[in-house]
Amino acid sequence: MVTGCLKGSVRCAAVLAILLTFSTVGLSTSLSEYLLQIEKARAGTDELIGIVSRPDRNADLEKEKTLKIGALVPANQKVEWPGGSIETDNKWLGEALGEFSLEDTPKRKGILIGVSERLQAIDKSIIELQATTSAKSSKDQDKQKLDEILGRDEYQKPTEQGESLFQQWVRKIVEWLAKLMPAPSTSAPVTSGMGSLQLIIQVVICLAVIGLIGFLLYKFVPLISKRFRDPGKDKKKDRVILGEKVAAEESANDLFADAENLAREGDLRGAIRKGYIAVLCELSDRKVIGLARHKTNRDYLRDVHKRSDIFDNVAALTGTYERNWYGLRQAGRSDWDDFRDRYRQTISKF
């Protein structure tokens, strides 16, 4: 590959620069410093995705940003942490950035999205490792922390308070109704017939007032709420699924149709990724999962766990996606056929 680059264009020279930069073996570092390297590399990758998405291409800016990302994370590095040390192997990042620099097709953005997702997975693993280390504190430290928490104001016995605003309203309404229905005078004797009539009148007045209040609430509350409702709240917005932007008008069926077109063109790996995004889009439309930029495919799979009727199929679809998108294996026709069948089985459950 090096000989080809020396004979090729400036892009090949950029690839060599990336690989040489990335081949440096880093000194030992702490777990927190390693996490910071990964986060900076991921942030730089996301910025590069934005640069690549622009209609006017700036090759010099792309090259500069690519070299910076490659320099952030050494290919091999010893990471020290309280549980020992870890030898990292991040040569894949330099290879992916080299592939990105050589590529001159719409696939370039997909390469960067794959890099961002893999850096996100490494980031999550480091955070989980840090949490596990922090959980091994001594019993005395746990007791001290518990005492501090229980000493906060929100855990103290609340002081007695007066009437709430709602209670004040209720009391005023009751007093107002009492004024409309004065108590019978005890100074003059009242016949039993007159007493019953007075009671009936009081009940009728009370029911009339309650009915009037209910009627006013029925008529005006919807109008008031409609006036203050955000007009853009119900408007469907664009979505971002696993780093890929999906237009508001695009449905899961549209996405899967794109996947089948990719499969017919021979891009089985791209077809499986597009099909998996269609799966997540369908699950979101069915209110099974909630979409979020920070969520990974494993986060979405955990959301589906409550649906036992589709969980096994979604787990199999996730496994196929991970093996063919993140793995080094070549996607085969059988992988796509199995993915397509499981997708249709999953959709048929709704």
Foldseek 3Di string as FASTA:
>chain_A
DLVVLVVDDVLSVLLVLLLVLQQDADEEEELVLLLVLLVVLLVLLLVLLVQVPDPDHDLVVNSVSLSVSSNSHHQWYWYQDPVGIDIHGNSVSSVLSSVLSPDDDPCSSVSSLLSSQVSLVVSVVSVVVVVVVVVPDDPVVVVVVVVVVCPDPVNDDDDDDDDDPVRVVVVVVVVVLCVVLDDDDPPDDDDPVVVVVSVVVSVVVVVVVVVVVVVCCVPPVVVVCVVPDDPCPPPFAWAADSNDIHGRPDALVNLLVVLVVCVVVPNPLVSLVSNLSSLVRVCVVVVQDPGDPSDDLVNRLVSNVVPPVLSVLSVVSSVLNCCSSVHPDDDDPVSSVSNVVSSVVNVVVD
